[in-house]
Amino acid sequence: MKHVLIYAIFRTEAWWTNVGHHMGVDRVTVMTDKRGRGDRWVTDDFYVAYARFKASGAGASELVTRAEVGDAIARCRVLRWMPTARATAMVLAMAEAMDRALAELAPDAIVSLPIDNYVSDILERRARAREIPYFELTASALPEMSMLLYRGMLVTSRETPNADAVSARVAEIADPEFAPLYIQGAKTFTRSKFYRVQIYFRLRAAALKLYAWAIRDPLNQHFLDAQPWLGHKPRFSDVRILDLVDHDWQARLHAFPKGRRVLFGLQVFPEAAIDYWLDDLELIRQEEVLLRLARSLSDAGYQIVVKDHPLQFGFRQVEWLEALKAIPNVVLVPYEVSGNAMLAQCGASVTATGTLGLQAALLGNASVVGSAYYVTEEDFLIVRESADLDGLPERLARAQPPASLEERQSRIIERLLKGSFYGAFMCLFNFKPGEANPEADQMGRELGARLRLLGPDGEDWHGKTLQAGISRHIGSPLAPAVSRRAS
């Protein structure tokens, strides 16, 4: 592997440049969608193409089919709230800009943070058409480790982890007090905090809008994502969400045996892990999916215990929770109650891709999840398409505790270790250009070694492990596609 292309989102360019410098490859190119940032940017090519596609009213191009355009718009938390003609032109223009960059740069592999909007989504689609491996770097569920993903699928090595290492990690992550680093410290949930969050982000949105126009980049995803007109953004009136909390939740839980309590561990919404890890677009509509599940489970005599994500405080629209609370047997626990505490009090868990699904399985509970990176076939009730929701109460009723919890834990953790490597991903957030950062240097070395192991010159995970055409959804990035490798 001689040339690695890094796609860097806003304000991560310096970190990626440092990481790339230590990766041990001949050439690293940092690309962005911000004019003047990184080694290469696609901004000007995008706007030239956008003007042409917008004027023509085209619904597809030589690079992107109508089905793919529709899929890309549906998955992007910004485009799905925009007029269809504008969103379509943006998708087609970005495909052209990204394809031109790939043709010019001809990288051996691409690395980015996890795909979380149409820009990186389109980059991956064009990379796949050119048979260029695409790796997404993020923090592992295992502390002090990182992992590589491909649209939510864990990119694993063939090496079997040491049994002692597996046992040590089981003891660490199966601890009922374990909590991912990104949610630690979120403990204050008051009306005053809610209003502070609203005021700050509205002022930020206004400032970013002015800045976007000043730098002649009004359609940039980063700036659009901040705007309050997006349909998922909360309002000041959503503060009444605090009035929905059941402060007598402990007494209410006692009305049902533990085996009939199902924890709904809510995720951040909209959530990139849902939008881009779940293949079926029907499942991406998480609020509708959870309402459907809550009704069927309630009718079947289950209690639904709702635990909102601590980082969602101030960002959740209240109408959806009101609809959920209107269903019999639904309890909304206070924000300050930890998800770990609720796992211990419920016999089953439902989450799309959240870490609570992993922890539930490790504790021996029935765990209903989507296509998350930590899934092992025998240890989870997996929902891959909307049809899998039918009969879920019956599937839960038939679910049995694992014959050996120790074997289940080892099986799950062993797979996580096969996809994880040492590297402090969180060093991204305290990186300062010009200052020594040994953790970022080490991340570069470890990432480079991992890419050489799993890339086309090594085990070739994409070529030998990733199955082509694994989707039934028309337009999905995982649907069968004709190879269009450039000569």
Protein backbone atom coordinates (compact mmCIF):
# COMPACT_ATOMS: atom_id res chain seq x y z
CA MET A 1 0.00 0.00 0.00
CA LYS A 2 1.73 3.13 -1.24
CA HIS A 3 -0.92 5.86 -1.26
CA VAL A 4 -3.64 6.39 1.36
CA LEU A 5 -6.33 9.02 0.90
CA ILE A 6 -7.73 10.46 4.13
CA TYR A 7 -11.08 12.24 4.07
CA ALA A 8 -11.10 14.73 6.95
CA ILE A 9 -14.20 16.46 8.28
CA PHE A 10 -14.15 20.04 9.56
CA ARG A 11 -11.34 20.84 12.03
CA THR A 12 -9.79 17.36 11.97
CA GLU A 13 -7.33 18.10 9.14
CA ALA A 14 -4.36 18.79 11.43
CA TRP A 15 -4.93 15.62 13.45
CA TRP A 16 -5.23 13.52 10.32
CA THR A 17 -2.11 15.11 8.84
CA ASN A 18 -0.19 14.17 11.99
CA VAL A 19 -1.63 10.64 11.99
CA GLY A 20 -0.86 10.22 8.30
CA HIS A 21 2.73 11.36 8.79
CA HIS A 22 3.32 8.37 11.10
CA MET A 23 1.46 5.71 9.08
CA GLY A 24 4.55 4.46 7.28
CA VAL A 25 3.19 4.67 3.72
CA ASP A 26 4.84 6.39 0.77
CA ARG A 27 2.13 9.00 0.28
CA VAL A 28 -0.79 10.36 2.28
CA THR A 29 -3.29 12.87 0.88
CA VAL A 30 -5.71 14.64 3.21
CA MET A 31 -8.87 15.61 1.31
CA THR A 32 -11.74 17.80 2.54
CA ASP A 33 -14.96 19.42 1.34
CA LYS A 34 -13.78 22.81 2.69
CA ARG A 35 -12.06 25.21 0.31
CA GLY A 36 -8.41 25.73 1.26
CA ARG A 37 -8.28 22.95 3.87
CA GLY A 38 -6.21 19.80 3.50
CA ASP A 39 -4.03 18.81 0.57
CA ARG A 40 -6.98 18.52 -1.82
CA TRP A 41 -10.54 19.81 -1.62
CA VAL A 42 -13.59 19.15 -3.76
CA THR A 43 -15.45 22.41 -3.08
CA ASP A 44 -14.95 24.19 -6.40
CA ASP A 45 -15.63 21.08 -8.48
CA PHE A 46 -18.81 20.53 -6.47
CA TYR A 47 -20.25 24.00 -7.10
CA VAL A 48 -19.47 23.89 -10.83
CA ALA A 49 -21.25 20.55 -11.13
CA TYR A 50 -24.10 21.63 -8.83
CA ALA A 51 -24.96 24.64 -11.01
CA ARG A 52 -25.13 22.39 -14.07
CA PHE A 53 -27.24 19.66 -12.47
CA LYS A 54 -29.58 22.15 -10.78
CA ALA A 55 -30.20 23.97 -14.06
CA SER A 56 -30.83 20.75 -15.98
CA GLY A 57 -33.13 19.23 -13.36
CA ALA A 58 -31.40 15.86 -13.81
CA GLY A 59 -32.51 13.06 -11.52
CA ALA A 60 -29.54 10.78 -12.21
CA SER A 61 -26.16 10.76 -13.92
CA GLU A 62 -23.66 8.35 -15.41
CA LEU A 63 -22.25 7.88 -11.91
CA VAL A 64 -25.41 7.72 -9.78
CA THR A 65 -28.74 6.05 -10.54
CA ARG A 66 -32.10 7.45 -9.43
CA ALA A 67 -32.36 4.71 -6.83
CA GLU A 68 -28.95 5.58 -5.45
CA VAL A 69 -29.84 9.27 -5.32
CA GLY A 70 -32.99 8.45 -3.36
CA ASP A 71 -31.08 6.22 -0.98
CA ALA A 72 -28.37 8.83 -0.37
CA ILE A 73 -30.95 11.55 0.34
CA ALA A 74 -32.94 9.33 2.71
CA ARG A 75 -29.86 8.52 4.77
CA CYS A 76 -28.53 12.08 5.13
CA ARG A 77 -29.91 14.02 8.11
CA VAL A 78 -29.63 17.26 6.10
CA LEU A 79 -30.67 16.29 2.57
CA ARG A 80 -33.87 14.56 3.61
CA TRP A 81 -35.26 17.91 4.84
CA MET A 82 -34.33 19.84 1.71
CA PRO A 83 -36.31 20.34 -1.53
CA THR A 84 -35.84 17.24 -3.67
CA ALA A 85 -34.44 19.10 -6.68
CA ARG A 86 -31.74 20.80 -4.62
CA ALA A 87 -30.84 17.63 -2.70
CA THR A 88 -30.65 15.64 -5.94
CA ALA A 89 -28.35 18.18 -7.57
CA MET A 90 -26.11 18.12 -4.49
CA VAL A 91 -25.79 14.32 -4.60
CA LEU A 92 -25.02 14.27 -8.32
CA ALA A 93 -22.53 17.11 -8.01
CA MET A 94 -20.71 15.54 -5.07
CA ALA A 95 -20.45 12.25 -6.96
CA GLU A 96 -18.85 14.02 -9.88
CA ALA A 97 -16.47 15.98 -7.65
CA MET A 98 -15.44 12.92 -5.65
CA ASP A 99 -15.03 10.76 -8.72
CA ARG A 100 -12.76 13.34 -10.32
CA ALA A 101 -10.62 13.45 -7.19
CA LEU A 102 -10.33 9.66 -7.09
CA ALA A 103 -9.41 9.54 -10.77
CA GLU A 104 -6.64 12.09 -10.24
CA LEU A 105 -5.28 10.75 -6.94
CA ALA A 106 -5.70 6.98 -7.55
CA PRO A 107 -5.28 5.95 -3.90
CA ASP A 108 -4.75 2.36 -2.78
CA ALA A 109 -7.15 2.82 0.16
CA ILE A 110 -9.30 5.48 1.81
CA VAL A 111 -9.65 6.21 5.52
CA SER A 112 -12.13 8.51 7.22
CA LEU A 113 -14.10 8.89 10.41
CA PRO A 114 -17.37 6.93 10.25
CA ILE A 115 -19.65 7.92 7.38
CA ASP A 116 -22.17 10.38 8.80
CA ASN A 117 -23.54 12.39 5.87
CA TYR A 118 -23.99 12.28 2.12
CA VAL A 119 -20.51 13.64 1.40
CA SER A 120 -18.61 10.68 2.84
CA ASP A 121 -21.42 8.35 1.76
CA ILE A 122 -20.93 9.41 -1.87
CA LEU A 123 -17.14 9.19 -1.53
CA GLU A 124 -17.46 5.57 -0.37
CA ARG A 125 -19.87 4.73 -3.18
CA ARG A 126 -17.47 6.11 -5.78
CA ALA A 127 -14.58 4.31 -4.10
CA ARG A 128 -16.48 1.04 -4.23
CA ALA A 129 -17.25 1.56 -7.92
CA ARG A 130 -13.49 1.93 -8.46
CA GLU A 131 -12.75 -1.05 -6.17
CA ILE A 132 -10.85 1.09 -3.65
CA PRO A 133 -11.09 -0.22 -0.04
CA TYR A 134 -12.76 2.22 2.35
CA PHE A 135 -12.03 2.08 6.09
CA GLU A 136 -13.82 4.03 8.83
CA LEU A 137 -11.79 4.69 11.98
CA THR A 138 -13.50 5.05 15.35
CA ALA A 139 -13.18 4.15 19.02
CA SER A 140 -13.63 0.50 19.91
CA ALA A 141 -16.07 -0.57 22.59
CA LEU A 142 -12.94 -1.95 24.27
CA PRO A 143 -11.19 0.78 26.29
CA GLU A 144 -7.91 2.17 24.94
CA MET A 145 -8.52 0.56 21.56
CA SER A 146 -9.74 1.66 18.14
CA MET A 147 -11.37 -0.23 15.29
CA LEU A 148 -11.99 -0.07 11.57
CA LEU A 149 -15.50 -0.39 10.18
CA TYR A 150 -17.15 -0.59 6.80
CA ARG A 151 -20.70 0.75 7.01
CA GLY A 152 -21.12 -0.68 10.50
CA MET A 153 -19.43 -3.99 9.72
CA LEU A 154 -16.39 -4.72 11.84
CA VAL A 155 -13.25 -5.12 9.72
CA THR A 156 -11.65 -8.10 11.43
CA SER A 157 -8.31 -9.83 11.13
CA ARG A 158 -7.94 -13.59 10.85
CA GLU A 159 -5.72 -13.87 13.90
CA THR A 160 -7.31 -15.54 16.95
CA PRO A 161 -6.85 -13.44 20.10
CA ASN A 162 -5.04 -14.85 23.11
CA ALA A 163 -7.41 -16.50 25.60
CA ASP A 164 -5.98 -14.49 28.51
CA ALA A 165 -6.56 -11.25 26.61
CA VAL A 166 -10.16 -12.26 25.96
CA SER A 167 -10.73 -13.07 29.63
CA ALA A 168 -9.24 -9.76 30.74
CA ARG A 169 -11.45 -7.80 28.38
CA VAL A 170 -14.55 -9.75 29.39
CA ALA A 171 -13.94 -8.80 33.02
CA GLU A 172 -13.53 -5.16 31.99
CA ILE A 173 -16.47 -4.57 29.66
CA ALA A 174 -18.94 -6.99 31.27
CA ASP A 175 -18.68 -4.99 34.50
CA PRO A 176 -22.18 -3.60 35.26
CA GLU A 177 -20.57 -0.21 35.96
CA PHE A 178 -18.86 0.00 32.57
CA ALA A 179 -19.77 3.07 30.49
CA PRO A 180 -18.31 4.24 27.17
CA LEU A 181 -15.98 7.24 27.44
CA TYR A 182 -18.20 9.45 25.30
CA ILE A 183 -21.10 9.43 27.80
CA GLN A 184 -19.16 9.76 31.02
CA GLY A 185 -19.71 13.06 32.78
CA ALA A 186 -23.20 13.82 31.42
CA LYS A 187 -25.07 14.21 34.71
CA THR A 188 -26.94 17.54 34.74
CA PHE A 189 -30.47 17.55 33.31
CA THR A 190 -32.43 20.68 34.27
CA ARG A 191 -34.64 23.23 32.56
CA SER A 192 -31.92 25.84 32.74
CA LYS A 193 -29.50 23.48 30.98
CA PHE A 194 -32.10 22.75 28.30
CA TYR A 195 -32.54 26.47 27.59
CA ARG A 196 -28.79 27.06 27.58
CA VAL A 197 -28.35 24.29 25.00
CA GLN A 198 -31.09 25.80 22.81
CA ILE A 199 -29.73 29.34 22.96
CA TYR A 200 -26.13 28.26 22.30
CA PHE A 201 -26.95 26.16 19.25
CA ARG A 202 -29.28 28.75 17.74
CA LEU A 203 -26.59 31.41 18.03
CA ARG A 204 -24.08 28.97 16.60
CA ALA A 205 -26.39 28.21 13.67
CA ALA A 206 -26.73 31.91 12.85
CA ALA A 207 -22.97 32.45 13.04
CA LEU A 208 -22.25 29.45 10.79
CA LYS A 209 -24.81 30.58 8.24
CA LEU A 210 -23.17 33.99 7.97
CA TYR A 211 -19.73 32.39 7.81
CA ALA A 212 -20.82 29.99 5.05
CA TRP A 213 -22.04 32.87 2.88
CA ALA A 214 -18.90 34.89 3.62
CA ILE A 215 -16.63 32.11 2.34
CA ARG A 216 -18.93 31.33 -0.62
CA ASP A 217 -19.81 27.84 0.61
CA PRO A 218 -23.53 28.05 1.51
CA LEU A 219 -24.30 24.40 0.65
CA ASN A 220 -21.58 22.91 2.82
CA GLN A 221 -22.93 20.00 4.83
CA HIS A 222 -21.26 21.11 8.07
CA PHE A 223 -22.92 24.53 8.02
CA LEU A 224 -26.32 23.26 6.89
CA ASP A 225 -26.33 20.61 9.62
CA ALA A 226 -26.44 23.34 12.28
CA GLN A 227 -29.54 25.10 10.98
CA PRO A 228 -32.73 25.04 13.11
CA TRP A 229 -35.05 24.59 10.08
CA LEU A 230 -34.06 20.92 9.83
CA GLY A 231 -37.08 18.84 10.75
CA HIS A 232 -35.42 16.93 13.58
CA LYS A 233 -34.25 20.02 15.48
CA PRO A 234 -35.93 20.67 18.87
CA ARG A 235 -37.74 23.83 19.94
CA PHE A 236 -37.81 25.74 23.21
CA SER A 237 -41.23 24.21 23.90
CA ASP A 238 -39.63 20.77 23.97
CA VAL A 239 -38.45 21.55 27.49
CA ARG A 240 -41.66 19.89 28.64
CA ILE A 241 -39.87 16.64 27.98
CA LEU A 242 -38.84 16.83 31.64
CA ASP A 243 -42.51 16.63 32.65
CA LEU A 244 -42.83 13.23 30.95
CA VAL A 245 -40.29 11.55 33.21
CA ASP A 246 -41.75 8.99 35.62
CA HIS A 247 -40.18 9.84 38.95
CA ASP A 248 -41.94 6.85 40.51
CA TRP A 249 -40.32 4.57 37.95
CA GLN A 250 -38.94 2.14 40.54
CA ALA A 251 -42.37 1.42 41.95
CA ARG A 252 -43.81 1.05 38.47
CA LEU A 253 -41.14 -1.44 37.47
CA HIS A 254 -42.10 -3.68 40.37
CA ALA A 255 -45.51 -4.23 38.78
CA PHE A 256 -43.82 -6.49 36.21
CA PRO A 257 -41.36 -9.35 36.70
CA LYS A 258 -37.87 -8.71 35.37
CA GLY A 259 -38.39 -11.15 32.50
CA ARG A 260 -41.29 -9.03 31.20
CA ARG A 261 -39.39 -5.72 31.26
CA VAL A 262 -37.83 -4.58 27.97
CA LEU A 263 -35.33 -1.74 28.04
CA PHE A 264 -35.51 0.68 25.12
CA GLY A 265 -32.05 2.25 25.18
CA LEU A 266 -32.58 5.26 22.94
CA GLN A 267 -29.73 6.50 20.78
CA VAL A 268 -28.83 9.96 19.63
CA PHE A 269 -31.28 10.94 16.88
CA PRO A 270 -30.57 11.39 14.05
CA GLU A 271 -27.69 8.98 14.43
CA ALA A 272 -25.07 8.19 11.81
CA ALA A 273 -24.78 4.65 13.14
CA ILE A 274 -28.45 4.14 12.30
CA ASP A 275 -28.52 6.02 9.01
CA TYR A 276 -25.48 4.30 7.53
CA TRP A 277 -25.23 0.95 9.35
CA LEU A 278 -28.80 -0.23 8.80
CA ASP A 279 -29.38 -1.33 5.25
CA ASP A 280 -33.19 -1.21 5.18
CA LEU A 281 -34.46 2.37 4.90
CA GLU A 282 -37.59 1.40 6.83
CA LEU A 283 -35.42 0.67 9.88
CA ILE A 284 -33.74 4.06 9.62
CA ARG A 285 -37.06 5.62 10.60
CA GLN A 286 -36.23 4.73 14.19
CA GLU A 287 -39.02 6.68 15.86
CA GLU A 288 -41.64 4.83 13.81
CA VAL A 289 -39.88 1.51 14.36
CA LEU A 290 -39.76 1.94 18.14
CA LEU A 291 -43.40 3.03 18.34
CA ARG A 292 -44.35 -0.06 16.34
CA LEU A 293 -42.31 -2.30 18.62
CA ALA A 294 -43.61 -0.66 21.79
CA ARG A 295 -47.22 -1.22 20.74
CA SER A 296 -46.66 -4.88 19.87
CA LEU A 297 -44.70 -5.56 23.06
CA SER A 298 -47.24 -3.77 25.21
CA ASP A 299 -50.07 -5.78 23.63
CA ALA A 300 -48.10 -8.93 24.42
CA GLY A 301 -47.89 -8.03 28.11
CA TYR A 302 -44.40 -6.56 28.29
CA GLN A 303 -43.39 -3.39 30.09
CA ILE A 304 -41.31 -0.96 28.01
CA VAL A 305 -38.69 0.87 30.06
CA VAL A 306 -37.42 3.88 28.11
CA LYS A 307 -33.94 5.27 28.84
CA ASP A 308 -32.99 8.27 26.74
CA HIS A 309 -29.37 8.84 25.74
CA PRO A 310 -27.68 11.38 28.08
CA LEU A 311 -26.17 13.24 25.13
CA GLN A 312 -29.64 13.64 23.61
CA PHE A 313 -30.81 15.95 26.39
CA GLY A 314 -31.79 19.24 24.78
CA PHE A 315 -31.99 17.67 21.31
CA ARG A 316 -35.01 15.33 21.53
CA GLN A 317 -38.37 16.45 20.17
CA VAL A 318 -41.07 15.91 22.76
CA GLU A 319 -43.93 14.81 20.46
CA TRP A 320 -42.35 11.44 19.81
CA LEU A 321 -41.86 10.71 23.52
CA GLU A 322 -45.45 11.81 24.16
CA ALA A 323 -46.63 9.28 21.57
CA LEU A 324 -44.50 6.62 23.22
CA LYS A 325 -45.80 7.48 26.68
CA ALA A 326 -49.39 7.18 25.41
CA ILE A 327 -48.84 3.44 24.93
CA PRO A 328 -49.82 1.31 27.95
CA ASN A 329 -47.00 -0.13 30.09
CA VAL A 330 -44.40 2.47 29.02
CA VAL A 331 -42.14 3.96 31.70
CA LEU A 332 -39.70 6.82 31.05
CA VAL A 333 -36.88 6.80 33.58
CA PRO A 334 -35.04 10.02 34.55
CA TYR A 335 -32.04 11.09 32.50
CA GLU A 336 -29.70 10.79 35.46
CA VAL A 337 -30.38 7.06 35.83
CA SER A 338 -27.64 5.14 34.02
CA GLY A 339 -28.32 2.70 31.25
CA ASN A 340 -26.17 0.17 33.08
CA ALA A 341 -28.47 0.31 36.11
CA MET A 342 -31.49 -0.32 33.88
CA LEU A 343 -29.87 -3.30 32.17
CA ALA A 344 -29.65 -4.99 35.54
CA GLN A 345 -33.38 -4.48 36.10
CA CYS A 346 -34.66 -5.60 32.69
CA GLY A 347 -34.66 -9.02 31.11
CA ALA A 348 -34.37 -7.77 27.54
CA SER A 349 -32.97 -4.82 25.62
CA VAL A 350 -33.89 -3.12 22.34
CA THR A 351 -31.51 -0.77 20.55
CA ALA A 352 -30.58 -0.26 16.91
CA THR A 353 -26.79 -0.15 17.14
CA GLY A 354 -26.08 1.28 20.61
CA THR A 355 -23.52 -0.02 23.09
CA LEU A 356 -26.31 -1.00 25.50
CA GLY A 357 -27.16 -3.83 23.12
CA LEU A 358 -23.65 -5.17 23.51
CA GLN A 359 -23.71 -4.83 27.29
CA ALA A 360 -27.11 -6.52 27.51
CA ALA A 361 -25.83 -9.62 25.71
CA LEU A 362 -22.72 -9.70 27.90
CA LEU A 363 -24.94 -9.68 30.99
CA GLY A 364 -26.93 -12.64 29.65
CA ASN A 365 -30.04 -10.67 28.66
CA ALA A 366 -31.98 -11.05 25.44
CA SER A 367 -30.65 -8.32 23.17
CA VAL A 368 -32.58 -7.08 20.12
CA VAL A 369 -30.31 -5.09 17.80
CA GLY A 370 -29.80 -4.06 14.20
CA SER A 371 -26.69 -4.72 12.15
CA ALA A 372 -24.20 -3.47 14.73
CA TYR A 373 -20.46 -4.13 14.60
CA TYR A 374 -20.51 -6.24 17.79
CA VAL A 375 -23.17 -8.73 16.67
CA THR A 376 -22.55 -12.47 16.74
CA GLU A 377 -25.31 -14.55 15.17
CA GLU A 378 -26.03 -16.86 18.11
CA ASP A 379 -26.01 -14.20 20.83
CA PHE A 380 -28.42 -11.52 19.58
CA LEU A 381 -31.93 -11.21 18.15
CA ILE A 382 -30.97 -9.40 14.95
CA VAL A 383 -33.34 -7.13 13.02
CA ARG A 384 -31.90 -6.68 9.52
CA GLU A 385 -35.07 -5.60 7.72
CA SER A 386 -38.49 -4.30 8.66
CA ALA A 387 -40.08 -7.73 8.16
CA ASP A 388 -37.99 -8.99 11.09
CA LEU A 389 -40.06 -6.79 13.41
CA ASP A 390 -43.08 -9.02 12.89
CA GLY A 391 -43.40 -11.60 15.60
CA LEU A 392 -40.69 -10.04 17.75
CA PRO A 393 -42.71 -10.51 20.98
CA GLU A 394 -42.88 -14.22 20.18
CA ARG A 395 -39.15 -14.34 19.48
CA LEU A 396 -38.49 -12.68 22.83
CA ALA A 397 -40.80 -15.12 24.60
CA ARG A 398 -38.86 -18.04 23.09
CA ALA A 399 -35.44 -16.56 23.89
CA GLN A 400 -33.53 -18.56 26.45
CA PRO A 401 -30.61 -17.52 28.65
CA PRO A 402 -27.27 -18.66 27.22
CA ALA A 403 -26.30 -22.20 28.13
CA SER A 404 -22.97 -20.75 29.21
CA LEU A 405 -22.71 -17.00 29.83
CA GLU A 406 -18.93 -17.30 29.95
CA GLU A 407 -18.85 -18.82 26.47
CA ARG A 408 -21.15 -16.09 25.12
CA GLN A 409 -19.00 -13.36 26.61
CA SER A 410 -15.81 -14.90 25.24
CA ARG A 411 -17.35 -15.32 21.79
CA ILE A 412 -18.41 -11.67 21.59
CA ILE A 413 -15.22 -10.22 23.03
CA GLU A 414 -13.01 -12.43 20.86
CA ARG A 415 -14.68 -11.01 17.78
CA LEU A 416 -14.30 -7.45 19.07
CA LEU A 417 -10.61 -8.09 19.67
CA LYS A 418 -10.22 -9.39 16.12
CA GLY A 419 -11.47 -6.02 14.93
CA SER A 420 -9.69 -3.77 17.45
CA PHE A 421 -6.15 -2.48 17.80
CA TYR A 422 -4.36 -0.35 20.37
CA GLY A 423 -4.76 3.33 19.72
CA ALA A 424 -6.30 6.20 21.71
CA PHE A 425 -8.95 7.46 19.29
CA MET A 426 -10.07 10.10 21.76
CA CYS A 427 -6.76 11.94 21.32
CA LEU A 428 -8.49 13.52 18.33
CA PHE A 429 -10.42 15.79 20.67
CA ASN A 430 -7.45 17.27 22.55
CA PHE A 431 -5.07 17.55 19.60
CA LYS A 432 -3.44 20.94 19.13
CA PRO A 433 -1.35 21.62 16.01
CA GLY A 434 2.28 22.33 16.80
CA GLU A 435 2.20 20.58 20.17
CA ALA A 436 3.70 17.14 20.76
CA ASN A 437 1.06 14.45 20.97
CA PRO A 438 2.51 10.97 21.49
CA GLU A 439 -0.96 9.39 21.40
CA ALA A 440 -1.66 10.81 17.93
CA ASP A 441 1.77 9.66 16.73
CA GLN A 442 1.08 6.18 18.06
CA MET A 443 -2.35 6.17 16.43
CA GLY A 444 -0.66 6.81 13.08
CA ARG A 445 1.77 3.91 13.52
CA GLU A 446 -0.93 1.49 14.68
CA LEU A 447 -3.38 2.57 11.98
CA GLY A 448 -0.74 2.18 9.28
CA ALA A 449 0.09 -1.31 10.50
CA ARG A 450 -3.60 -2.20 10.58
CA LEU A 451 -4.18 -0.98 7.03
CA ARG A 452 -1.24 -3.00 5.76
CA LEU A 453 -2.63 -6.08 7.50
CA LEU A 454 -6.21 -5.72 6.29
CA GLY A 455 -5.72 -3.87 3.01
CA PRO A 456 -5.37 -5.24 -0.51
CA ASP A 457 -1.70 -6.13 -0.01
CA GLY A 458 -2.49 -8.03 3.19
CA GLU A 459 -5.55 -10.07 4.13
CA ASP A 460 -7.67 -8.02 1.68
CA TRP A 461 -10.75 -7.83 3.92
CA HIS A 462 -12.86 -5.99 1.35
CA GLY A 463 -12.01 -8.38 -1.45
CA LYS A 464 -12.18 -11.70 0.42
CA THR A 465 -14.53 -11.11 3.36
CA LEU A 466 -17.03 -8.48 2.26
CA GLN A 467 -19.76 -10.16 0.27
CA ALA A 468 -20.86 -8.28 -2.83
CA GLY A 469 -24.57 -7.74 -3.22
CA ILE A 470 -25.64 -8.39 0.38
CA SER A 471 -28.56 -5.95 0.23
CA ARG A 472 -32.13 -6.44 -0.95
CA HIS A 473 -32.74 -2.70 -0.90
CA ILE A 474 -32.67 -0.99 -4.30
CA GLY A 475 -30.24 1.90 -4.22
CA SER A 476 -28.43 0.66 -1.14
CA PRO A 477 -24.65 1.07 -1.21
CA LEU A 478 -24.46 -2.65 -0.42
CA ALA A 479 -26.63 -3.68 -3.36
CA PRO A 480 -25.08 -5.56 -6.28
CA ALA A 481 -23.27 -3.22 -8.62
CA VAL A 482 -21.32 -3.57 -11.84
CA SER A 483 -17.65 -2.87 -11.33
CA ARG A 484 -16.59 0.40 -12.93
CA ARG A 485 -12.91 0.47 -12.13
CA ALA A 486 -11.17 3.25 -14.02
CA SER A 487 -8.39 2.12 -16.30
